Amino acid sequence: MKKESIFIGVLLLAAIFGCAYVYKQLHQPIDLLEEINDIRNNSPSSANDRLQDHYSYMDTLETLKASGALTEGIKYLDILIEKNTDHKSVYQLEKGKLLFSMDNFKHAIESFSAAIRESPYGSPSALEWRAYSYINLKDCKSAILDAESLIEKDSTHWDQYHQIKNYCDSISRLETALQ
């Protein structure tokens, strides 16, 4: 009976330490410098490797965003933009979204514009985000131009066009009422 108790105790301790080890591995903070060095030093050889790296980069970015490390996320994206030519427009779009969430609309517009230039399709998503950035800067003329470009590129975006137009009309009516 005593040997069985010792054996069960050892098994329980092993299970506890095993769980603690797994928990530690899953909840380790991201070492941003290590991630950056990995990006700089690795040059994937195949398209599949580059795609896998892209997904890994996006997972790292999501972790940074979830932890509230937005400034670090922007720095991380700057390195990806500098290093990675395959997904540069996606990284510019993500950088613009982070800047937008930080109410840095002027720089967000710059990132969205870069995403539009870099994308072979003109990035309808970047056009929409840039329009909302213009709205936040009370530049409805530019916002509506982006909304019109949005539906020219993809006619399925009529809802976004009308929403942007309605925001601009509301701003115009409010400014008129305040005069």
Protein backbone atom coordinates (compact mmCIF):
# COMPACT_ATOMS: atom_id res chain seq x y z
CA MET A 1 0.00 0.00 0.00
CA LYS A 2 2.84 2.38 0.87
CA LYS A 3 4.62 1.69 -2.45
CA GLU A 4 1.36 2.35 -4.33
CA SER A 5 0.90 5.67 -2.51
CA ILE A 6 4.45 6.71 -3.34
CA PHE A 7 3.94 5.68 -6.97
CA ILE A 8 0.67 7.64 -7.19
CA GLY A 9 2.35 10.63 -5.51
CA VAL A 10 5.19 10.54 -8.04
CA LEU A 11 2.70 10.32 -10.91
CA LEU A 12 0.76 13.30 -9.55
CA LEU A 13 3.93 15.36 -9.18
CA ALA A 14 4.98 14.45 -12.73
CA ALA A 15 1.55 15.48 -14.01
CA ILE A 16 1.69 18.79 -12.12
CA PHE A 17 5.18 19.60 -13.41
CA GLY A 18 4.17 18.55 -16.92
CA CYS A 19 1.14 20.86 -16.84
CA ALA A 20 3.26 23.70 -15.47
CA TYR A 21 5.81 23.22 -18.24
CA VAL A 22 3.13 23.22 -20.97
CA TYR A 23 1.48 26.32 -19.43
CA LYS A 24 4.84 28.11 -19.35
CA GLN A 25 5.53 27.23 -22.99
CA LEU A 26 2.11 28.48 -24.12
CA HIS A 27 2.23 31.71 -22.14
CA GLN A 28 5.75 32.92 -22.80
CA PRO A 29 5.97 36.60 -23.71
CA ILE A 30 7.06 37.36 -27.24
CA ASP A 31 10.67 38.40 -27.52
CA LEU A 32 10.26 41.12 -30.13
CA LEU A 33 13.99 41.46 -30.77
CA GLU A 34 14.27 37.72 -31.39
CA GLU A 35 11.32 37.85 -33.79
CA ILE A 36 12.87 40.81 -35.63
CA ASN A 37 16.24 39.08 -35.94
CA ASP A 38 14.53 35.94 -37.25
CA ILE A 39 12.81 38.01 -39.93
CA ARG A 40 16.03 39.76 -40.94
CA ASN A 41 18.15 36.62 -41.00
CA ASN A 42 15.79 34.19 -42.69
CA SER A 43 15.18 34.30 -46.38
CA PRO A 44 12.62 31.60 -47.22
CA SER A 45 13.38 29.64 -50.36
CA SER A 46 9.95 28.60 -51.55
CA ALA A 47 6.56 30.24 -51.91
CA ASN A 48 5.12 27.83 -49.35
CA ASP A 49 7.81 28.80 -46.83
CA ARG A 50 7.10 32.48 -47.46
CA LEU A 51 3.38 31.92 -46.96
CA GLN A 52 4.00 30.02 -43.73
CA ASP A 53 6.24 32.85 -42.56
CA HIS A 54 3.50 35.36 -43.41
CA TYR A 55 1.00 33.46 -41.26
CA SER A 56 3.54 33.31 -38.44
CA TYR A 57 4.16 37.07 -38.73
CA MET A 58 0.43 37.76 -38.62
CA ASP A 59 0.05 35.54 -35.53
CA THR A 60 2.82 37.51 -33.83
CA LEU A 61 1.12 40.76 -34.79
CA GLU A 62 -2.21 39.54 -33.37
CA THR A 63 -0.47 38.63 -30.12
CA LEU A 64 1.07 42.09 -29.91
CA LYS A 65 -2.30 43.74 -30.59
CA ALA A 66 -4.07 41.54 -28.04
CA SER A 67 -1.54 42.51 -25.39
CA GLY A 68 -2.02 46.22 -26.17
CA ALA A 69 1.50 46.64 -27.55
CA LEU A 70 0.37 48.78 -30.50
CA THR A 71 3.58 50.80 -30.82
CA GLU A 72 5.59 47.57 -30.89
CA GLY A 73 3.16 46.26 -33.49
CA ILE A 74 3.87 49.25 -35.70
CA LYS A 75 7.64 48.75 -35.33
CA TYR A 76 7.20 45.06 -36.13
CA LEU A 77 5.19 45.94 -39.26
CA ASP A 78 7.80 48.49 -40.35
CA ILE A 79 10.40 45.72 -40.34
CA LEU A 80 8.09 43.38 -42.25
CA ILE A 81 7.39 46.10 -44.81
CA GLU A 82 11.11 46.71 -45.25
CA LYS A 83 11.96 43.00 -45.46
CA ASN A 84 9.02 41.30 -47.16
CA THR A 85 7.97 42.16 -50.69
CA ASP A 86 5.34 39.40 -51.08
CA HIS A 87 2.85 40.81 -48.59
CA LYS A 88 3.92 44.44 -48.32
CA SER A 89 0.41 45.78 -49.07
CA VAL A 90 -1.10 43.60 -46.33
CA TYR A 91 1.46 44.85 -43.80
CA GLN A 92 0.83 48.47 -44.86
CA LEU A 93 -2.91 47.92 -44.40
CA GLU A 94 -2.37 46.42 -40.93
CA LYS A 95 -0.08 49.29 -39.97
CA GLY A 96 -2.74 51.76 -41.09
CA LYS A 97 -5.35 49.98 -38.97
CA LEU A 98 -3.10 50.19 -35.91
CA LEU A 99 -2.45 53.88 -36.52
CA PHE A 100 -6.19 54.43 -37.01
CA SER A 101 -6.93 52.72 -33.70
CA MET A 102 -4.44 55.11 -32.07
CA ASP A 103 -6.27 58.10 -33.64
CA ASN A 104 -3.22 58.89 -35.75
CA PHE A 105 -5.27 59.47 -38.89
CA LYS A 106 -2.68 61.37 -40.95
CA HIS A 107 -0.13 58.58 -40.69
CA ALA A 108 -2.87 55.99 -41.15
CA ILE A 109 -3.74 57.66 -44.47
CA GLU A 110 -0.08 57.38 -45.52
CA SER A 111 -0.07 53.64 -44.73
CA PHE A 112 -3.40 53.02 -46.46
CA SER A 113 -2.14 54.94 -49.51
CA ALA A 114 0.99 52.77 -49.57
CA ALA A 115 -1.18 49.63 -49.30
CA ILE A 116 -3.24 50.82 -52.27
CA ARG A 117 -0.09 51.51 -54.33
CA GLU A 118 1.51 48.17 -53.41
CA SER A 119 -1.56 46.03 -54.06
CA PRO A 120 -2.09 44.71 -57.57
CA TYR A 121 -5.84 45.16 -57.00
CA GLY A 122 -5.78 48.60 -55.40
CA SER A 123 -6.80 47.16 -52.00
CA PRO A 124 -10.51 47.97 -51.57
CA SER A 125 -10.12 47.44 -47.83
CA ALA A 126 -7.39 50.09 -47.67
CA LEU A 127 -9.60 52.48 -49.67
CA GLU A 128 -12.41 52.03 -47.17
CA TRP A 129 -10.14 52.52 -44.15
CA ARG A 130 -8.56 55.58 -45.77
CA ALA A 131 -12.01 57.05 -46.37
CA TYR A 132 -12.85 56.66 -42.67
CA SER A 133 -9.53 58.28 -41.79
CA TYR A 134 -10.44 61.24 -44.00
CA ILE A 135 -13.82 61.45 -42.28
CA ASN A 136 -12.10 61.65 -38.90
CA LEU A 137 -10.06 64.55 -40.26
CA LYS A 138 -13.28 66.18 -41.59
CA ASP A 139 -12.05 65.83 -45.19
CA CYS A 140 -15.28 64.54 -46.70
CA LYS A 141 -14.30 65.41 -50.26
CA SER A 142 -11.39 62.95 -50.13
CA ALA A 143 -13.51 60.39 -48.26
CA ILE A 144 -16.18 60.43 -50.96
CA LEU A 145 -13.54 60.16 -53.71
CA ASP A 146 -12.24 57.02 -51.97
CA ALA A 147 -15.77 55.68 -51.59
CA GLU A 148 -16.37 56.19 -55.31
CA SER A 149 -13.07 54.45 -56.13
CA LEU A 150 -14.13 51.64 -53.82
CA ILE A 151 -17.27 50.86 -55.80
CA GLU A 152 -15.41 51.28 -59.10
CA LYS A 153 -12.94 48.58 -58.03
CA ASP A 154 -15.56 46.29 -56.52
CA SER A 155 -19.27 46.91 -57.01
CA THR A 156 -20.12 44.79 -53.95
CA HIS A 157 -19.11 47.70 -51.72
CA TRP A 158 -22.27 49.78 -52.15
CA ASP A 159 -23.11 49.51 -48.43
CA GLN A 160 -19.71 50.95 -47.48
CA TYR A 161 -20.12 53.70 -50.08
CA HIS A 162 -23.50 54.71 -48.66
CA GLN A 163 -22.22 54.58 -45.10
CA ILE A 164 -19.28 56.85 -45.93
CA LYS A 165 -21.56 59.20 -47.88
CA ASN A 166 -24.04 59.30 -44.98
CA TYR A 167 -21.27 60.13 -42.49
CA CYS A 168 -20.12 62.97 -44.71
CA ASP A 169 -23.67 64.27 -45.19
CA SER A 170 -24.17 64.20 -41.41
CA ILE A 171 -20.95 66.13 -40.84
CA SER A 172 -21.99 68.68 -43.46
CA ARG A 173 -25.44 69.13 -41.86
CA LEU A 174 -23.88 69.48 -38.39
CA GLU A 175 -21.39 72.10 -39.61
CA THR A 176 -24.24 74.01 -41.30
CA ALA A 177 -26.36 73.89 -38.13
CA LEU A 178 -23.47 75.18 -36.02
CA GLN A 179 -22.94 78.24 -38.22
